C-alpha atoms as a PDB file:
ATOM      1  CA  MET A   1     -23.849   0.978   4.192  1.00  0.00           C
ATOM      2  CA  LYS A   2     -20.592  -0.651   3.034  1.00  0.00           C
ATOM      3  CA  LYS A   3     -17.544   1.288   1.892  1.00  0.00           C
ATOM      4  CA  VAL A   4     -15.143  -0.286  -0.619  1.00  0.00           C
ATOM      5  CA  ALA A   5     -11.786   0.780  -2.077  1.00  0.00           C
ATOM      6  CA  ILE A   6      -9.999  -0.939  -4.983  1.00  0.00           C
ATOM      7  CA  VAL A   7      -6.263  -0.246  -5.264  1.00  0.00           C
ATOM      8  CA  GLN A   8      -3.165  -1.997  -6.641  1.00  0.00           C
ATOM      9  CA  SER A   9      -0.849  -3.470  -4.023  1.00  0.00           C
ATOM     10  CA  ASN A  10       2.259  -1.431  -3.175  1.00  0.00           C
ATOM     11  CA  TYR A  11       5.502  -2.359  -1.436  1.00  0.00           C
ATOM     12  CA  ILE A  12       5.615  -1.048   2.183  1.00  0.00           C
ATOM     13  CA  PRO A  13       3.184   1.785   1.258  1.00  0.00           C
ATOM     14  CA  TRP A  14       3.017   5.292   2.724  1.00  0.00           C
ATOM     15  CA  LYS A  15       0.641   6.325   5.532  1.00  0.00           C
ATOM     16  CA  GLY A  16      -2.086   7.545   3.138  1.00  0.00           C
ATOM     17  CA  TYR A  17      -2.467   4.030   1.717  1.00  0.00           C
ATOM     18  CA  PHE A  18      -3.222   2.633   5.173  1.00  0.00           C
ATOM     19  CA  ASP A  19      -5.535   5.516   6.001  1.00  0.00           C
ATOM     20  CA  MET A  20      -7.582   4.524   2.951  1.00  0.00           C
ATOM     21  CA  ILE A  21      -7.652   0.901   4.116  1.00  0.00           C
ATOM     22  CA  ALA A  22      -8.858   2.041   7.544  1.00  0.00           C
ATOM     23  CA  ALA A  23     -11.528   4.274   5.997  1.00  0.00           C
ATOM     24  CA  VAL A  24     -13.385   1.396   4.263  1.00  0.00           C
ATOM     25  CA  ASP A  25     -15.040  -1.905   5.154  1.00  0.00           C
ATOM     26  CA  GLU A  26     -13.389  -3.898   2.349  1.00  0.00           C
ATOM     27  CA  PHE A  27     -10.136  -3.128   0.558  1.00  0.00           C
ATOM     28  CA  ILE A  28      -9.696  -4.986  -2.723  1.00  0.00           C
ATOM     29  CA  LEU A  29      -6.122  -5.428  -3.953  1.00  0.00           C
ATOM     30  CA  TYR A  30      -6.459  -4.745  -7.666  1.00  0.00           C
ATOM     31  CA  ASP A  31      -3.497  -6.796  -8.875  1.00  0.00           C
ATOM     32  CA  ASP A  32      -5.235  -7.911 -12.063  1.00  0.00           C
ATOM     33  CA  MET A  33      -3.966  -4.612 -13.474  1.00  0.00           C
ATOM     34  CA  GLN A  34      -0.880  -4.537 -15.718  1.00  0.00           C
ATOM     35  CA  TYR A  35       2.427  -4.254 -13.880  1.00  0.00           C
ATOM     36  CA  THR A  36       4.047  -0.868 -14.472  1.00  0.00           C
ATOM     37  CA  ARG A  37       7.768  -0.210 -14.147  1.00  0.00           C
ATOM     38  CA  ARG A  38       9.233   2.539 -11.971  1.00  0.00           C
ATOM     39  CA  ASP A  39       6.024   2.687  -9.954  1.00  0.00           C
ATOM     40  CA  TRP A  40       5.063   1.989  -6.317  1.00  0.00           C
ATOM     41  CA  ARG A  41       4.260  -1.702  -6.904  1.00  0.00           C
ATOM     42  CA  ASN A  42       7.772  -2.940  -6.098  1.00  0.00           C
ATOM     43  CA  ARG A  43       9.499   0.017  -4.457  1.00  0.00           C
ATOM     44  CA  ASN A  44       9.171   2.730  -1.847  1.00  0.00           C
ATOM     45  CA  GLN A  45      11.211   5.452  -0.167  1.00  0.00           C
ATOM     46  CA  ILE A  46      12.975   5.819   3.180  1.00  0.00           C
ATOM     47  CA  LYS A  47      14.783   8.764   4.810  1.00  0.00           C
ATOM     48  CA  THR A  48      18.597   8.689   5.048  1.00  0.00           C
ATOM     49  CA  PRO A  49      21.323  11.217   5.964  1.00  0.00           C
ATOM     50  CA  GLN A  50      21.891  11.612   2.211  1.00  0.00           C
ATOM     51  CA  GLY A  51      18.231  12.283   1.487  1.00  0.00           C
ATOM     52  CA  VAL A  52      15.396  10.086   0.284  1.00  0.00           C
ATOM     53  CA  GLN A  53      16.455   6.609  -0.903  1.00  0.00           C
ATOM     54  CA  TRP A  54      14.527   4.010  -2.899  1.00  0.00           C
ATOM     55  CA  LEU A  55      14.165   0.423  -1.699  1.00  0.00           C
ATOM     56  CA  THR A  56      13.343  -1.625  -4.806  1.00  0.00           C
ATOM     57  CA  VAL A  57      12.300  -5.270  -5.011  1.00  0.00           C
ATOM     58  CA  PRO A  58      13.820  -6.731  -8.208  1.00  0.00           C
ATOM     59  CA  VAL A  59      11.243  -8.402 -10.444  1.00  0.00           C
ATOM     60  CA  ARG A  60      11.329 -10.341 -13.700  1.00  0.00           C
ATOM     61  CA  VAL A  61      10.174  -8.080 -16.514  1.00  0.00           C
ATOM     62  CA  LYS A  62      12.255  -9.083 -19.560  1.00  0.00           C
ATOM     63  CA  GLY A  63       9.863 -10.017 -22.346  1.00  0.00           C
ATOM     64  CA  LYS A  64       6.881  -9.685 -19.975  1.00  0.00           C
ATOM     65  CA  TYR A  65       5.488  -6.398 -21.273  1.00  0.00           C
ATOM     66  CA  HIS A  66       1.854  -7.103 -20.515  1.00  0.00           C
ATOM     67  CA  GLN A  67       2.048  -9.179 -17.344  1.00  0.00           C
ATOM     68  CA  LYS A  68      -0.348  -8.454 -14.521  1.00  0.00           C
ATOM     69  CA  ILE A  69       0.889  -7.407 -11.096  1.00  0.00           C
ATOM     70  CA  ARG A  70      -0.161 -10.764  -9.661  1.00  0.00           C
ATOM     71  CA  GLU A  71       1.801 -12.580 -12.358  1.00  0.00           C
ATOM     72  CA  THR A  72       5.019 -10.659 -11.628  1.00  0.00           C
ATOM     73  CA  GLU A  73       7.765 -12.811 -10.140  1.00  0.00           C
ATOM     74  CA  ILE A  74      10.431 -11.615  -7.726  1.00  0.00           C
ATOM     75  CA  GLU A  75      14.043 -11.945  -8.895  1.00  0.00           C
ATOM     76  CA  GLY A  76      16.213 -13.643  -6.265  1.00  0.00           C
ATOM     77  CA  THR A  77      16.256 -13.171  -2.481  1.00  0.00           C
ATOM     78  CA  ASP A  78      19.368 -11.073  -1.757  1.00  0.00           C
ATOM     79  CA  TRP A  79      17.322  -7.872  -1.915  1.00  0.00           C
ATOM     80  CA  ALA A  80      15.501  -8.788   1.321  1.00  0.00           C
ATOM     81  CA  THR A  81      18.651  -8.798   3.459  1.00  0.00           C
ATOM     82  CA  ALA A  82      19.844  -5.614   1.755  1.00  0.00           C
ATOM     83  CA  HIS A  83      16.553  -3.833   2.460  1.00  0.00           C
ATOM     84  CA  TRP A  84      16.600  -4.858   6.101  1.00  0.00           C
ATOM     85  CA  LYS A  85      20.197  -3.671   6.482  1.00  0.00           C
ATOM     86  CA  SER A  86      19.199  -0.305   4.995  1.00  0.00           C
ATOM     87  CA  LEU A  87      16.329   0.017   7.441  1.00  0.00           C
ATOM     88  CA  VAL A  88      18.589  -0.881  10.376  1.00  0.00           C
ATOM     89  CA  GLN A  89      21.290   1.535   9.266  1.00  0.00           C
ATOM     90  CA  ASN A  90      18.932   4.483   8.846  1.00  0.00           C
ATOM     91  CA  TYR A  91      16.392   3.880  11.625  1.00  0.00           C
ATOM     92  CA  ARG A  92      18.178   2.124  14.474  1.00  0.00           C
ATOM     93  CA  ARG A  93      18.419   5.459  16.332  1.00  0.00           C
ATOM     94  CA  THR A  94      14.658   6.065  16.228  1.00  0.00           C
ATOM     95  CA  PRO A  95      12.699   5.773  19.502  1.00  0.00           C
ATOM     96  CA  HIS A  96      10.601   2.765  18.445  1.00  0.00           C
ATOM     97  CA  PHE A  97      12.992   0.799  16.239  1.00  0.00           C
ATOM     98  CA  GLY A  98      13.169  -2.222  18.576  1.00  0.00           C
ATOM     99  CA  GLU A  99       9.399  -2.444  18.963  1.00  0.00           C
ATOM    100  CA  ILE A 100       8.818  -2.461  15.204  1.00  0.00           C
ATOM    101  CA  ALA A 101      11.805  -4.703  14.390  1.00  0.00           C
ATOM    102  CA  VAL A 102      10.338  -7.549  16.470  1.00  0.00           C
ATOM    103  CA  TRP A 103       7.675  -8.248  13.845  1.00  0.00           C
ATOM    104  CA  LEU A 104       9.227  -6.555  10.798  1.00  0.00           C
ATOM    105  CA  GLU A 105      12.625  -8.278  10.713  1.00  0.00           C
ATOM    106  CA  PRO A 106      11.195 -11.807  10.188  1.00  0.00           C
ATOM    107  CA  LEU A 107       9.260 -10.558   7.154  1.00  0.00           C
ATOM    108  CA  TYR A 108      12.604  -9.780   5.535  1.00  0.00           C
ATOM    109  CA  LEU A 109      14.809 -12.570   6.841  1.00  0.00           C
ATOM    110  CA  ASN A 110      12.354 -15.459   6.413  1.00  0.00           C
ATOM    111  CA  GLU A 111      12.178 -16.735   2.840  1.00  0.00           C
ATOM    112  CA  PRO A 112      10.134 -14.261   0.788  1.00  0.00           C
ATOM    113  CA  PRO A 113       7.308 -15.430  -1.500  1.00  0.00           C
ATOM    114  CA  SER A 114       7.900 -15.941  -5.210  1.00  0.00           C
ATOM    115  CA  HIS A 115       5.479 -13.296  -6.489  1.00  0.00           C
ATOM    116  CA  LEU A 116       5.201  -9.567  -5.897  1.00  0.00           C
ATOM    117  CA  SER A 117       1.497  -9.603  -4.997  1.00  0.00           C
ATOM    118  CA  GLN A 118       2.108 -12.135  -2.255  1.00  0.00           C
ATOM    119  CA  LEU A 119       5.014 -10.133  -0.880  1.00  0.00           C
ATOM    120  CA  ASN A 120       3.099  -6.862  -0.865  1.00  0.00           C
ATOM    121  CA  ARG A 121       0.110  -8.447   0.842  1.00  0.00           C
ATOM    122  CA  ARG A 122       2.399  -9.990   3.480  1.00  0.00           C
ATOM    123  CA  PHE A 123       3.750  -6.579   4.440  1.00  0.00           C
ATOM    124  CA  ILE A 124       0.385  -4.813   4.154  1.00  0.00           C
ATOM    125  CA  GLU A 125      -1.317  -7.325   6.455  1.00  0.00           C
ATOM    126  CA  ALA A 126       1.513  -7.236   9.010  1.00  0.00           C
ATOM    127  CA  ILE A 127       1.449  -3.436   9.128  1.00  0.00           C
ATOM    128  CA  CYS A 128      -2.361  -3.436   9.390  1.00  0.00           C
ATOM    129  CA  GLY A 129      -1.987  -5.816  12.330  1.00  0.00           C
ATOM    130  CA  TYR A 130       0.256  -3.370  14.167  1.00  0.00           C
ATOM    131  CA  LEU A 131      -2.073  -0.490  13.294  1.00  0.00           C
ATOM    132  CA  SER A 132      -5.104  -2.475  14.570  1.00  0.00           C
ATOM    133  CA  ILE A 133      -6.870  -2.043  11.218  1.00  0.00           C
ATOM    134  CA  GLN A 134      -9.730  -4.568  11.014  1.00  0.00           C
ATOM    135  CA  THR A 135     -10.714  -3.918   7.387  1.00  0.00           C
ATOM    136  CA  MET A 136     -11.327  -7.003   5.239  1.00  0.00           C
ATOM    137  CA  ILE A 137      -8.623  -7.316   2.557  1.00  0.00           C
ATOM    138  CA  SER A 138      -9.490  -9.308  -0.562  1.00  0.00           C
ATOM    139  CA  ASN A 139      -8.065  -9.861  -4.053  1.00  0.00           C
ATOM    140  CA  SER A 140      -9.625  -8.709  -7.320  1.00  0.00           C
ATOM    141  CA  TRP A 141      -9.432 -12.278  -8.629  1.00  0.00           C
ATOM    142  CA  ASP A 142     -11.809 -13.352  -5.859  1.00  0.00           C
ATOM    143  CA  TYR A 143     -14.489 -11.727  -8.042  1.00  0.00           C
ATOM    144  CA  THR A 144     -15.661 -11.787 -11.665  1.00  0.00           C
ATOM    145  CA  LEU A 145     -13.982  -9.108 -13.784  1.00  0.00           C
ATOM    146  CA  VAL A 146     -15.996  -7.347 -16.495  1.00  0.00           C
ATOM    147  CA  GLU A 147     -14.718  -5.175 -19.341  1.00  0.00           C
ATOM    148  CA  GLY A 148     -14.388  -1.400 -19.129  1.00  0.00           C
ATOM    149  CA  LYS A 149     -12.165   0.612 -16.803  1.00  0.00           C
ATOM    150  CA  THR A 150     -14.864   2.285 -14.721  1.00  0.00           C
ATOM    151  CA  GLU A 151     -17.397  -0.491 -15.323  1.00  0.00           C
ATOM    152  CA  ARG A 152     -15.026  -3.030 -13.777  1.00  0.00           C
ATOM    153  CA  LEU A 153     -14.484  -0.924 -10.659  1.00  0.00           C
ATOM    154  CA  ALA A 154     -18.212  -0.310 -10.190  1.00  0.00           C
ATOM    155  CA  ASP A 155     -19.014  -3.972 -10.758  1.00  0.00           C
ATOM    156  CA  LEU A 156     -16.346  -5.126  -8.302  1.00  0.00           C
ATOM    157  CA  CYS A 157     -17.756  -2.731  -5.726  1.00  0.00           C
ATOM    158  CA  ALA A 158     -21.277  -4.057  -6.361  1.00  0.00           C
ATOM    159  CA  GLN A 159     -20.151  -7.695  -6.117  1.00  0.00           C
ATOM    160  CA  ALA A 160     -18.568  -6.889  -2.754  1.00  0.00           C
ATOM    161  CA  GLY A 161     -21.892  -5.431  -1.587  1.00  0.00           C
ATOM    162  CA  GLY A 162     -20.521  -1.900  -1.592  1.00  0.00           C
ATOM    163  CA  THR A 163     -22.834   1.106  -1.453  1.00  0.00           C
ATOM    164  CA  GLU A 164     -19.976   3.631  -1.420  1.00  0.00           C
ATOM    165  CA  TYR A 165     -16.761   3.567  -3.451  1.00  0.00           C
ATOM    166  CA  LEU A 166     -13.745   5.454  -2.116  1.00  0.00           C
ATOM    167  CA  SER A 167     -11.171   6.423  -4.758  1.00  0.00           C
ATOM    168  CA  GLY A 168      -7.848   8.202  -4.778  1.00  0.00           C
ATOM    169  CA  PRO A 169      -7.995  11.701  -6.322  1.00  0.00           C
ATOM    170  CA  ALA A 170      -5.725  10.779  -9.256  1.00  0.00           C
ATOM    171  CA  ALA A 171      -8.525   8.594 -10.666  1.00  0.00           C
ATOM    172  CA  LYS A 172     -10.611  11.700 -11.422  1.00  0.00           C
ATOM    173  CA  GLU A 173      -8.814  11.781 -14.781  1.00  0.00           C
ATOM    174  CA  TYR A 174     -10.398   8.545 -16.003  1.00  0.00           C
ATOM    175  CA  VAL A 175     -13.291   7.461 -13.758  1.00  0.00           C
ATOM    176  CA  ASP A 176     -16.765   7.992 -15.236  1.00  0.00           C
ATOM    177  CA  GLU A 177     -18.872   9.049 -12.269  1.00  0.00           C
ATOM    178  CA  GLY A 178     -22.064   8.268 -14.184  1.00  0.00           C
ATOM    179  CA  VAL A 179     -21.288   4.530 -14.163  1.00  0.00           C
ATOM    180  CA  PHE A 180     -21.322   4.493 -10.359  1.00  0.00           C
ATOM    181  CA  LYS A 181     -24.484   6.590 -10.262  1.00  0.00           C
ATOM    182  CA  GLU A 182     -26.252   4.096 -12.541  1.00  0.00           C
ATOM    183  CA  ARG A 183     -25.370   1.309 -10.098  1.00  0.00           C
ATOM    184  CA  GLY A 184     -26.617   3.301  -7.118  1.00  0.00           C
ATOM    185  CA  ILE A 185     -23.105   3.510  -5.658  1.00  0.00           C
ATOM    186  CA  ALA A 186     -21.907   6.741  -4.069  1.00  0.00           C
ATOM    187  CA  LEU A 187     -18.484   7.799  -5.385  1.00  0.00           C
ATOM    188  CA  LYS A 188     -16.285   9.621  -2.867  1.00  0.00           C
ATOM    189  CA  TRP A 189     -12.763  11.013  -3.339  1.00  0.00           C
ATOM    190  CA  PHE A 190     -10.126  10.405  -0.679  1.00  0.00           C
ATOM    191  CA  ASP A 191      -8.286  13.490   0.557  1.00  0.00           C
ATOM    192  CA  TYR A 192      -4.551  13.002   1.135  1.00  0.00           C
ATOM    193  CA  THR A 193      -3.949  16.570   2.306  1.00  0.00           C
ATOM    194  CA  GLY A 194      -3.630  17.951   5.816  1.00  0.00           C
ATOM    195  CA  TYR A 195      -1.292  15.407   7.397  1.00  0.00           C
ATOM    196  CA  ARG A 196       0.649  16.722  10.394  1.00  0.00           C
ATOM    197  CA  GLU A 197       4.413  16.508  10.485  1.00  0.00           C
ATOM    198  CA  TYR A 198       5.943  14.167  13.081  1.00  0.00           C
ATOM    199  CA  PRO A 199       9.464  13.910  14.565  1.00  0.00           C
ATOM    200  CA  GLN A 200      11.549  12.582  11.665  1.00  0.00           C
ATOM    201  CA  LEU A 201      15.278  11.973  11.287  1.00  0.00           C
ATOM    202  CA  TRP A 202      17.547  13.365   8.566  1.00  0.00           C
ATOM    203  CA  GLY A 203      16.725  16.868   7.457  1.00  0.00           C
ATOM    204  CA  ASP A 204      13.571  18.448   6.074  1.00  0.00           C
ATOM    205  CA  PHE A 205      10.285  16.634   6.621  1.00  0.00           C
ATOM    206  CA  VAL A 206       9.053  14.329   3.824  1.00  0.00           C
ATOM    207  CA  HIS A 207       5.462  13.018   3.789  1.00  0.00           C
ATOM    208  CA  GLY A 208       5.679  10.586   0.892  1.00  0.00           C
ATOM    209  CA  VAL A 209       7.943   7.931   2.407  1.00  0.00           C
ATOM    210  CA  THR A 210       6.974   4.439   3.570  1.00  0.00           C
ATOM    211  CA  ILE A 211       4.772   4.256   6.662  1.00  0.00           C
ATOM    212  CA  LEU A 212       7.659   2.413   8.344  1.00  0.00           C
ATOM    213  CA  ASP A 213       9.248   5.838   8.806  1.00  0.00           C
ATOM    214  CA  LEU A 214       6.259   6.956  10.896  1.00  0.00           C
ATOM    215  CA  LEU A 215       6.214   3.724  12.897  1.00  0.00           C
ATOM    216  CA  PHE A 216       9.948   3.743  13.681  1.00  0.00           C
ATOM    217  CA  ASN A 217       9.758   7.355  14.818  1.00  0.00           C
ATOM    218  CA  CYS A 218       6.403   7.371  16.634  1.00  0.00           C
ATOM    219  CA  GLY A 219       5.372   3.798  17.454  1.00  0.00           C
ATOM    220  CA  ARG A 220       1.856   3.670  18.915  1.00  0.00           C
ATOM    221  CA  ASN A 221       1.707   7.447  18.766  1.00  0.00           C
ATOM    222  CA  PHE A 222       1.128   7.135  15.004  1.00  0.00           C
ATOM    223  CA  GLN A 223      -2.561   7.907  15.635  1.00  0.00           C
ATOM    224  CA  THR A 224      -1.730  11.578  16.201  1.00  0.00           C
ATOM    225  CA  TYR A 225      -0.427  11.918  12.635  1.00  0.00           C
ATOM    226  CA  VAL A 226      -3.052  10.042  10.584  1.00  0.00           C
ATOM    227  CA  LYS A 227      -6.755  10.515   9.820  1.00  0.00           C
ATOM    228  CA  TYR A 228      -8.630   7.220   9.995  1.00  0.00           C
ATOM    229  CA  MET A 229      -6.391   4.859  11.963  1.00  0.00           C
ATOM    230  CA  LYS A 230      -7.761   5.128  15.505  1.00  0.00           C
END
């Protein structure tokens, strides 16, 4: 029995993203998909005294209307220092800021990679390391890609030796369950509901912010507020 998930890379994703990684045996970063603007690929949210704020990695999109996520280049390096300053400003009073900053700060202040996929994977792997997630992380281009939206997902899962495919609930709108059934692969839907609130700075609780918010506030106690990261 091998569980597989196939998801585009995101920038410093929220806790649900990492719960999905922890729930499977192999997590395939699906960055052969087209890059979409104003999405989670190159931005995420933090809590501030003024409310939720976006941290956005600038990327080169002019004239690149059909580029894949893995082809998307990062524009400049000044954003990295600015993002770290924003995190320091808004989270330095949290109980576990120092513990997290030890490994997080170098990711920002060392020279960032040239492409968005590389950057996202750098942060995802570092966060997985802190969370003690042992799941194998691979890239979609490590495999052969066939045509067809659902057919490609099912075939990727099969190539990875998967017997169960775990998908986010939003994919119900376009995934053809019959394609997985034909391949003998069980299709399961991930449930993002039921997360407990944790001590959080700055006003009303918000679930959909970067997982860094949980780590700064709770440190190793994160396990109390997630589902699969144990």
